[in-house]
Amino acid sequence: MRSDSELDGVSLLGNTGVKYPDQYSPQVLETFINKHPENEYLVTFTCPEFTSLCPKTGQPDFAKILISYIPRERMVESKSLKLYLFSFRNHGDFHEDCVNIIMKDLIRLMDPKYIEVKGIFTPRGGIAIHPFANWGDADHQHLVSARLLASIPDTF
């Protein structure tokens, strides 16, 4: 069981009075201490209800966002991640921008060993867009290259 000091900074989980942000809000993200930093392990979030707005037309875009990372000392708290992703609901940006913004915000927040973010956007206008962004520290550059190559569709 975690001690109260290990849960310092986790204020959203279990709080029934939480307000959903109506604007892009990276400040809502919270972390907790990784109790197993000596282990090399992967954490994956599947977020099937992501929405943002087209920056030109204002029409909604829908996506499943997949986030995987190898933690270092800090880990993202899932309710804060849910609220953060919800904050894109009124945010106007292209699909590729959203995926890169999410990745960079999580890098700043946690300083992971490795992270990747993929957006599987619902087709609009007959075109599906699936942006993939990843980053790794010096010890994980082999993973950055391998995962980037693996994400290239083989159906050209």
N, C-alpha and C. Protein backbone atom coordinates (compact mmCIF):
# COMPACT_ATOMS: atom_id res chain seq x y z
N MET A 1 0.83 -1.17 0.00
CA MET A 1 0.00 0.00 0.00
C MET A 1 0.89 1.25 0.00
N ARG A 2 0.46 2.27 -0.70
CA ARG A 2 1.23 3.51 -0.77
C ARG A 2 0.97 4.37 0.46
N SER A 3 2.01 5.05 0.89
CA SER A 3 1.88 5.97 2.02
C SER A 3 1.32 7.30 1.53
N ASP A 4 0.86 8.13 2.47
CA ASP A 4 0.34 9.45 2.11
C ASP A 4 1.40 10.29 1.40
N SER A 5 2.65 10.18 1.84
CA SER A 5 3.71 10.97 1.21
C SER A 5 3.95 10.53 -0.23
N GLU A 6 3.73 9.25 -0.52
CA GLU A 6 3.89 8.76 -1.89
C GLU A 6 2.76 9.25 -2.80
N LEU A 7 1.67 9.69 -2.19
CA LEU A 7 0.53 10.18 -2.96
C LEU A 7 0.46 11.70 -2.99
N ASP A 8 1.50 12.36 -2.46
CA ASP A 8 1.56 13.82 -2.55
C ASP A 8 1.45 14.26 -3.99
N GLY A 9 0.61 15.24 -4.25
CA GLY A 9 0.45 15.76 -5.60
C GLY A 9 -0.66 15.08 -6.39
N VAL A 10 -1.22 13.98 -5.87
CA VAL A 10 -2.33 13.31 -6.54
C VAL A 10 -3.61 13.84 -5.89
N SER A 11 -4.23 14.81 -6.55
CA SER A 11 -5.40 15.47 -5.95
C SER A 11 -6.70 15.18 -6.70
N LEU A 12 -6.62 14.69 -7.90
CA LEU A 12 -7.83 14.50 -8.72
C LEU A 12 -8.49 13.15 -8.48
N LEU A 13 -7.68 12.11 -8.25
CA LEU A 13 -8.19 10.77 -8.05
C LEU A 13 -9.03 10.73 -6.78
N GLY A 14 -10.28 10.28 -6.91
CA GLY A 14 -11.18 10.21 -5.77
C GLY A 14 -11.87 11.50 -5.43
N ASN A 15 -11.58 12.56 -6.16
CA ASN A 15 -12.19 13.87 -5.91
C ASN A 15 -13.45 13.97 -6.79
N THR A 16 -14.61 13.97 -6.15
CA THR A 16 -15.86 14.00 -6.91
C THR A 16 -16.23 15.40 -7.39
N GLY A 17 -15.52 16.42 -6.93
CA GLY A 17 -15.83 17.78 -7.34
C GLY A 17 -14.97 18.30 -8.48
N VAL A 18 -14.29 17.40 -9.18
CA VAL A 18 -13.39 17.80 -10.26
C VAL A 18 -14.18 18.40 -11.41
N LYS A 19 -13.72 19.53 -11.91
CA LYS A 19 -14.31 20.19 -13.08
C LYS A 19 -13.53 19.77 -14.32
N TYR A 20 -14.27 19.45 -15.37
CA TYR A 20 -13.62 19.12 -16.64
C TYR A 20 -13.17 20.41 -17.31
N PRO A 21 -11.90 20.46 -17.74
CA PRO A 21 -11.42 21.68 -18.39
C PRO A 21 -12.08 21.89 -19.75
N ASP A 22 -12.33 23.15 -20.09
CA ASP A 22 -12.93 23.43 -21.40
C ASP A 22 -11.92 24.03 -22.38
N GLN A 23 -10.67 24.13 -21.96
CA GLN A 23 -9.58 24.59 -22.81
C GLN A 23 -8.37 23.68 -22.58
N TYR A 24 -7.46 23.63 -23.54
CA TYR A 24 -6.23 22.84 -23.43
C TYR A 24 -5.56 23.14 -22.08
N SER A 25 -5.33 22.10 -21.28
CA SER A 25 -4.87 22.29 -19.90
C SER A 25 -3.79 21.29 -19.50
N PRO A 26 -2.54 21.49 -19.91
CA PRO A 26 -1.49 20.56 -19.49
C PRO A 26 -1.23 20.62 -17.98
N GLN A 27 -1.61 21.74 -17.34
CA GLN A 27 -1.38 21.88 -15.90
C GLN A 27 -2.22 20.92 -15.06
N VAL A 28 -3.21 20.28 -15.65
CA VAL A 28 -4.05 19.33 -14.91
C VAL A 28 -3.33 17.99 -14.69
N LEU A 29 -2.27 17.72 -15.44
CA LEU A 29 -1.54 16.46 -15.32
C LEU A 29 -0.86 16.34 -13.96
N GLU A 30 -0.97 15.14 -13.39
CA GLU A 30 -0.34 14.85 -12.10
C GLU A 30 0.49 13.58 -12.21
N THR A 31 1.46 13.46 -11.32
CA THR A 31 2.32 12.28 -11.30
C THR A 31 2.34 11.65 -9.92
N PHE A 32 2.84 10.42 -9.89
CA PHE A 32 3.13 9.76 -8.63
C PHE A 32 4.47 9.05 -8.78
N ILE A 33 5.03 8.62 -7.67
CA ILE A 33 6.36 8.01 -7.65
C ILE A 33 6.29 6.58 -8.20
N ASN A 34 7.22 6.23 -9.07
CA ASN A 34 7.39 4.88 -9.57
C ASN A 34 8.10 4.07 -8.48
N LYS A 35 7.44 3.07 -7.95
CA LYS A 35 8.03 2.24 -6.90
C LYS A 35 9.02 1.21 -7.44
N HIS A 36 9.14 1.12 -8.76
CA HIS A 36 9.99 0.09 -9.37
C HIS A 36 10.90 0.68 -10.45
N PRO A 37 11.61 1.76 -10.15
CA PRO A 37 12.43 2.40 -11.20
C PRO A 37 13.58 1.53 -11.70
N GLU A 38 13.94 0.51 -10.94
CA GLU A 38 15.02 -0.39 -11.37
C GLU A 38 14.55 -1.36 -12.45
N ASN A 39 13.23 -1.52 -12.59
CA ASN A 39 12.67 -2.42 -13.61
C ASN A 39 12.44 -1.67 -14.91
N GLU A 40 12.71 -2.33 -15.98
CA GLU A 40 12.43 -1.82 -17.33
C GLU A 40 11.07 -2.39 -17.73
N TYR A 41 10.01 -1.61 -17.61
CA TYR A 41 8.68 -2.10 -17.94
C TYR A 41 7.88 -1.04 -18.67
N LEU A 42 6.85 -1.50 -19.37
CA LEU A 42 6.06 -0.64 -20.24
C LEU A 42 4.68 -0.41 -19.64
N VAL A 43 4.23 0.84 -19.68
CA VAL A 43 2.88 1.21 -19.27
C VAL A 43 2.16 1.70 -20.52
N THR A 44 0.96 1.18 -20.76
CA THR A 44 0.20 1.55 -21.95
C THR A 44 -1.19 2.03 -21.56
N PHE A 45 -1.58 3.16 -22.13
CA PHE A 45 -2.93 3.69 -21.98
C PHE A 45 -3.61 3.63 -23.35
N THR A 46 -4.85 3.15 -23.37
CA THR A 46 -5.69 3.19 -24.56
C THR A 46 -6.82 4.15 -24.26
N CYS A 47 -6.90 5.20 -25.03
CA CYS A 47 -7.88 6.27 -24.79
C CYS A 47 -8.78 6.35 -26.02
N PRO A 48 -9.92 5.64 -26.01
CA PRO A 48 -10.74 5.50 -27.22
C PRO A 48 -11.68 6.66 -27.52
N GLU A 49 -11.74 7.67 -26.65
CA GLU A 49 -12.74 8.73 -26.84
C GLU A 49 -12.12 10.12 -26.97
N PHE A 50 -10.98 10.22 -27.62
CA PHE A 50 -10.31 11.52 -27.79
C PHE A 50 -11.05 12.35 -28.83
N THR A 51 -11.22 13.63 -28.53
CA THR A 51 -11.78 14.56 -29.52
C THR A 51 -10.98 15.85 -29.52
N SER A 52 -10.87 16.43 -30.68
CA SER A 52 -10.27 17.76 -30.85
C SER A 52 -11.03 18.42 -32.00
N LEU A 53 -10.62 19.62 -32.34
CA LEU A 53 -11.30 20.35 -33.41
C LEU A 53 -10.34 20.61 -34.56
N CYS A 54 -10.85 20.58 -35.78
CA CYS A 54 -10.08 20.99 -36.94
C CYS A 54 -9.78 22.48 -36.78
N PRO A 55 -8.51 22.89 -36.94
CA PRO A 55 -8.18 24.30 -36.74
C PRO A 55 -8.76 25.23 -37.81
N LYS A 56 -9.14 24.68 -38.93
CA LYS A 56 -9.66 25.49 -40.03
C LYS A 56 -11.20 25.55 -40.03
N THR A 57 -11.83 24.38 -39.91
CA THR A 57 -13.29 24.32 -40.03
C THR A 57 -14.01 24.33 -38.68
N GLY A 58 -13.30 23.96 -37.61
CA GLY A 58 -13.92 23.85 -36.30
C GLY A 58 -14.72 22.57 -36.13
N GLN A 59 -14.71 21.70 -37.14
CA GLN A 59 -15.44 20.44 -37.03
C GLN A 59 -14.70 19.49 -36.09
N PRO A 60 -15.44 18.61 -35.40
CA PRO A 60 -14.80 17.70 -34.46
C PRO A 60 -14.05 16.57 -35.15
N ASP A 61 -12.94 16.20 -34.55
CA ASP A 61 -12.17 15.05 -34.98
C ASP A 61 -12.18 14.05 -33.82
N PHE A 62 -12.31 12.78 -34.14
CA PHE A 62 -12.40 11.72 -33.14
C PHE A 62 -11.25 10.75 -33.34
N ALA A 63 -10.70 10.25 -32.23
CA ALA A 63 -9.57 9.33 -32.34
C ALA A 63 -9.48 8.41 -31.13
N LYS A 64 -8.75 7.32 -31.35
CA LYS A 64 -8.25 6.51 -30.25
C LYS A 64 -6.79 6.92 -30.10
N ILE A 65 -6.40 7.29 -28.90
CA ILE A 65 -5.01 7.66 -28.62
C ILE A 65 -4.37 6.53 -27.82
N LEU A 66 -3.22 6.07 -28.30
CA LEU A 66 -2.45 5.03 -27.61
C LEU A 66 -1.16 5.66 -27.09
N ILE A 67 -0.94 5.54 -25.80
CA ILE A 67 0.25 6.10 -25.16
C ILE A 67 0.97 4.96 -24.45
N SER A 68 2.24 4.76 -24.77
CA SER A 68 3.06 3.76 -24.09
C SER A 68 4.35 4.42 -23.64
N TYR A 69 4.79 4.08 -22.43
CA TYR A 69 6.05 4.65 -21.96
C TYR A 69 6.75 3.71 -20.99
N ILE A 70 8.06 3.87 -20.92
CA ILE A 70 8.90 3.19 -19.93
C ILE A 70 9.21 4.24 -18.88
N PRO A 71 8.68 4.07 -17.66
CA PRO A 71 8.85 5.12 -16.65
C PRO A 71 10.27 5.15 -16.07
N ARG A 72 10.57 6.32 -15.54
CA ARG A 72 11.81 6.52 -14.78
C ARG A 72 11.40 6.66 -13.31
N GLU A 73 11.39 7.86 -12.80
CA GLU A 73 11.05 8.11 -11.38
C GLU A 73 9.59 8.48 -11.16
N ARG A 74 8.96 9.10 -12.16
CA ARG A 74 7.58 9.59 -12.02
C ARG A 74 6.69 8.93 -13.06
N MET A 75 5.42 8.75 -12.70
CA MET A 75 4.43 8.15 -13.61
C MET A 75 3.21 9.06 -13.65
N VAL A 76 2.52 9.08 -14.79
CA VAL A 76 1.34 9.93 -14.92
C VAL A 76 0.16 9.25 -14.24
N GLU A 77 -0.61 10.02 -13.52
CA GLU A 77 -1.80 9.52 -12.84
C GLU A 77 -2.94 9.49 -13.87
N SER A 78 -3.68 8.38 -13.94
CA SER A 78 -4.60 8.16 -15.06
C SER A 78 -5.81 9.10 -15.08
N LYS A 79 -6.35 9.50 -13.93
CA LYS A 79 -7.49 10.42 -13.97
C LYS A 79 -7.04 11.78 -14.49
N SER A 80 -5.85 12.21 -14.08
CA SER A 80 -5.35 13.49 -14.60
C SER A 80 -5.11 13.40 -16.10
N LEU A 81 -4.64 12.24 -16.57
CA LEU A 81 -4.45 12.04 -18.01
C LEU A 81 -5.79 12.12 -18.74
N LYS A 82 -6.82 11.51 -18.16
CA LYS A 82 -8.17 11.57 -18.76
C LYS A 82 -8.64 13.02 -18.87
N LEU A 83 -8.48 13.80 -17.81
CA LEU A 83 -8.90 15.20 -17.84
C LEU A 83 -8.07 16.01 -18.83
N TYR A 84 -6.78 15.72 -18.89
CA TYR A 84 -5.89 16.39 -19.84
C TYR A 84 -6.33 16.11 -21.28
N LEU A 85 -6.57 14.84 -21.60
CA LEU A 85 -7.01 14.50 -22.96
C LEU A 85 -8.36 15.12 -23.26
N PHE A 86 -9.23 15.19 -22.27
CA PHE A 86 -10.53 15.83 -22.44
C PHE A 86 -10.36 17.31 -22.78
N SER A 87 -9.29 17.92 -22.28
CA SER A 87 -9.08 19.35 -22.51
C SER A 87 -8.82 19.69 -23.97
N PHE A 88 -8.57 18.69 -24.80
CA PHE A 88 -8.39 18.92 -26.24
C PHE A 88 -9.74 19.07 -26.96
N ARG A 89 -10.83 18.81 -26.27
CA ARG A 89 -12.16 18.80 -26.87
C ARG A 89 -12.48 20.08 -27.63
N ASN A 90 -12.05 21.22 -27.13
CA ASN A 90 -12.28 22.51 -27.79
C ASN A 90 -11.00 23.09 -28.38
N HIS A 91 -9.97 22.26 -28.47
CA HIS A 91 -8.66 22.71 -28.96
C HIS A 91 -8.57 22.47 -30.46
N GLY A 92 -8.26 23.49 -31.21
CA GLY A 92 -8.14 23.38 -32.66
C GLY A 92 -6.72 23.15 -33.10
N ASP A 93 -6.42 21.95 -33.53
CA ASP A 93 -5.09 21.62 -34.05
C ASP A 93 -5.21 20.42 -34.98
N PHE A 94 -4.24 20.29 -35.86
CA PHE A 94 -4.20 19.13 -36.74
C PHE A 94 -3.87 17.88 -35.95
N HIS A 95 -4.22 16.73 -36.50
CA HIS A 95 -4.00 15.44 -35.83
C HIS A 95 -2.54 15.27 -35.41
N GLU A 96 -1.65 15.58 -36.35
CA GLU A 96 -0.22 15.41 -36.10
C GLU A 96 0.24 16.30 -34.94
N ASP A 97 -0.31 17.51 -34.86
CA ASP A 97 0.04 18.43 -33.78
C ASP A 97 -0.42 17.88 -32.43
N CYS A 98 -1.65 17.38 -32.37
CA CYS A 98 -2.19 16.85 -31.12
C CYS A 98 -1.30 15.73 -30.58
N VAL A 99 -0.91 14.80 -31.43
CA VAL A 99 -0.09 13.67 -31.00
C VAL A 99 1.26 14.15 -30.48
N ASN A 100 1.89 15.09 -31.18
CA ASN A 100 3.18 15.61 -30.74
C ASN A 100 3.07 16.44 -29.46
N ILE A 101 2.01 17.21 -29.32
CA ILE A 101 1.80 18.00 -28.10
C ILE A 101 1.63 17.07 -26.90
N ILE A 102 0.82 16.03 -27.06
CA ILE A 102 0.61 15.07 -25.97
C ILE A 102 1.94 14.46 -25.56
N MET A 103 2.73 14.01 -26.54
CA MET A 103 4.01 13.39 -26.23
C MET A 103 4.93 14.35 -25.50
N LYS A 104 5.06 15.57 -26.00
CA LYS A 104 5.98 16.53 -25.39
C LYS A 104 5.53 16.94 -23.99
N ASP A 105 4.23 17.08 -23.78
CA ASP A 105 3.73 17.40 -22.43
C ASP A 105 4.06 16.27 -21.45
N LEU A 106 3.92 15.03 -21.89
CA LEU A 106 4.21 13.90 -21.01
C LEU A 106 5.71 13.74 -20.76
N ILE A 107 6.54 14.08 -21.73
CA ILE A 107 7.98 14.07 -21.51
C ILE A 107 8.35 15.09 -20.45
N ARG A 108 7.83 16.31 -20.58
CA ARG A 108 8.10 17.35 -19.57
C ARG A 108 7.62 16.94 -18.19
N LEU A 109 6.49 16.29 -18.14
CA LEU A 109 5.89 15.90 -16.87
C LEU A 109 6.67 14.81 -16.17
N MET A 110 7.04 13.76 -16.90
CA MET A 110 7.57 12.54 -16.27
C MET A 110 9.05 12.27 -16.50
N ASP A 111 9.62 12.81 -17.56
CA ASP A 111 10.98 12.43 -17.95
C ASP A 111 11.11 10.91 -18.08
N PRO A 112 10.30 10.30 -18.96
CA PRO A 112 10.36 8.84 -19.11
C PRO A 112 11.64 8.41 -19.81
N LYS A 113 11.93 7.12 -19.75
CA LYS A 113 13.06 6.57 -20.50
C LYS A 113 12.71 6.50 -21.98
N TYR A 114 11.45 6.15 -22.25
CA TYR A 114 10.94 6.03 -23.62
C TYR A 114 9.45 6.35 -23.60
N ILE A 115 8.96 6.96 -24.69
CA ILE A 115 7.51 7.21 -24.82
C ILE A 115 7.13 7.21 -26.29
N GLU A 116 5.89 6.75 -26.55
CA GLU A 116 5.33 6.84 -27.89
C GLU A 116 3.85 7.16 -27.77
N VAL A 117 3.37 7.92 -28.74
CA VAL A 117 1.96 8.30 -28.80
C VAL A 117 1.50 8.09 -30.24
N LYS A 118 0.38 7.37 -30.38
CA LYS A 118 -0.20 7.15 -31.70
C LYS A 118 -1.65 7.59 -31.68
N GLY A 119 -2.07 8.28 -32.72
CA GLY A 119 -3.45 8.67 -32.88
C GLY A 119 -4.08 7.91 -34.03
N ILE A 120 -5.17 7.23 -33.75
CA ILE A 120 -5.91 6.53 -34.80
C ILE A 120 -7.20 7.33 -35.00
N PHE A 121 -7.12 8.28 -35.91
CA PHE A 121 -8.23 9.21 -36.12
C PHE A 121 -9.26 8.62 -37.07
N THR A 122 -10.52 8.88 -36.75
CA THR A 122 -11.63 8.46 -37.59
C THR A 122 -11.54 9.20 -38.92
N PRO A 123 -11.71 8.49 -40.03
CA PRO A 123 -11.60 9.16 -41.33
C PRO A 123 -12.63 10.29 -41.48
N ARG A 124 -12.16 11.36 -42.08
CA ARG A 124 -13.04 12.46 -42.51
C ARG A 124 -12.65 12.77 -43.94
N GLY A 125 -13.62 12.97 -44.77
CA GLY A 125 -13.33 13.24 -46.18
C GLY A 125 -12.69 12.06 -46.87
N GLY A 126 -12.89 10.87 -46.34
CA GLY A 126 -12.36 9.66 -46.98
C GLY A 126 -10.90 9.37 -46.68
N ILE A 127 -10.30 10.11 -45.75
CA ILE A 127 -8.88 9.89 -45.43
C ILE A 127 -8.74 9.66 -43.93
N ALA A 128 -8.07 8.55 -43.58
CA ALA A 128 -7.73 8.28 -42.18
C ALA A 128 -6.29 8.72 -41.95
N ILE A 129 -6.05 9.36 -40.82
CA ILE A 129 -4.70 9.81 -40.46
C ILE A 129 -4.33 9.15 -39.15
N HIS A 130 -3.14 8.53 -39.12
CA HIS A 130 -2.66 7.83 -37.93
C HIS A 130 -1.25 8.33 -37.57
N PRO A 131 -1.13 9.51 -36.99
CA PRO A 131 0.20 10.00 -36.64
C PRO A 131 0.82 9.22 -35.48
N PHE A 132 2.13 9.05 -35.55
CA PHE A 132 2.90 8.33 -34.54
C PHE A 132 4.11 9.18 -34.19
N ALA A 133 4.32 9.43 -32.91
CA ALA A 133 5.50 10.18 -32.45
C ALA A 133 6.13 9.40 -31.30
N ASN A 134 7.45 9.36 -31.27
CA ASN A 134 8.11 8.71 -30.15
C ASN A 134 9.41 9.41 -29.80
N TRP A 135 9.89 9.12 -28.60
CA TRP A 135 11.10 9.74 -28.08
C TRP A 135 11.72 8.79 -27.07
N GLY A 136 13.03 8.79 -27.01
CA GLY A 136 13.73 7.99 -26.00
C GLY A 136 15.01 8.64 -25.58
N ASP A 137 15.45 8.34 -24.37
CA ASP A 137 16.72 8.86 -23.89
C ASP A 137 17.87 8.15 -24.63
N ALA A 138 19.10 8.48 -24.27
CA ALA A 138 20.26 7.94 -24.98
C ALA A 138 20.30 6.41 -24.94
N ASP A 139 19.84 5.80 -23.85
CA ASP A 139 19.87 4.34 -23.74
C ASP A 139 18.75 3.65 -24.51
N HIS A 140 17.81 4.42 -25.04
CA HIS A 140 16.66 3.82 -25.71
C HIS A 140 16.52 4.27 -27.17
N GLN A 141 17.59 4.75 -27.76
CA GLN A 141 17.54 5.18 -29.15
C GLN A 141 17.28 4.01 -30.10
N HIS A 142 17.75 2.82 -29.74
CA HIS A 142 17.47 1.63 -30.56
C HIS A 142 15.96 1.37 -30.62
N LEU A 143 15.26 1.61 -29.50
CA LEU A 143 13.82 1.43 -29.45
C LEU A 143 13.10 2.50 -30.27
N VAL A 144 13.60 3.74 -30.20
CA VAL A 144 13.03 4.83 -31.00
C VAL A 144 13.05 4.45 -32.47
N SER A 145 14.20 4.02 -32.95
CA SER A 145 14.33 3.65 -34.37
C SER A 145 13.49 2.44 -34.73
N ALA A 146 13.53 1.40 -33.90
CA ALA A 146 12.79 0.17 -34.20
C ALA A 146 11.28 0.42 -34.21
N ARG A 147 10.78 1.16 -33.24
CA ARG A 147 9.33 1.40 -33.15
C ARG A 147 8.86 2.33 -34.27
N LEU A 148 9.68 3.29 -34.65
CA LEU A 148 9.31 4.17 -35.75
C LEU A 148 9.22 3.38 -37.06
N LEU A 149 10.20 2.52 -37.29
CA LEU A 149 10.16 1.68 -38.50
C LEU A 149 8.97 0.73 -38.46
N ALA A 150 8.69 0.17 -37.29
CA ALA A 150 7.57 -0.78 -37.15
C ALA A 150 6.23 -0.10 -37.36
N SER A 151 6.16 1.20 -37.16
CA SER A 151 4.89 1.90 -37.31
C SER A 151 4.57 2.29 -38.75
N ILE A 152 5.51 2.09 -39.64
CA ILE A 152 5.29 2.40 -41.06
C ILE A 152 4.43 1.30 -41.66
N PRO A 153 3.27 1.67 -42.21
CA PRO A 153 2.40 0.63 -42.79
C PRO A 153 3.08 -0.07 -43.96
N ASP A 154 2.84 -1.36 -44.08
CA ASP A 154 3.44 -2.10 -45.18
C ASP A 154 2.47 -2.27 -46.35
N THR A 155 1.43 -1.46 -46.36
CA THR A 155 0.42 -1.57 -47.44
C THR A 155 0.46 -0.34 -48.33
N PHE A 156 1.56 -0.14 -49.00
CA PHE A 156 1.67 1.00 -49.91
C PHE A 156 1.29 0.60 -51.30
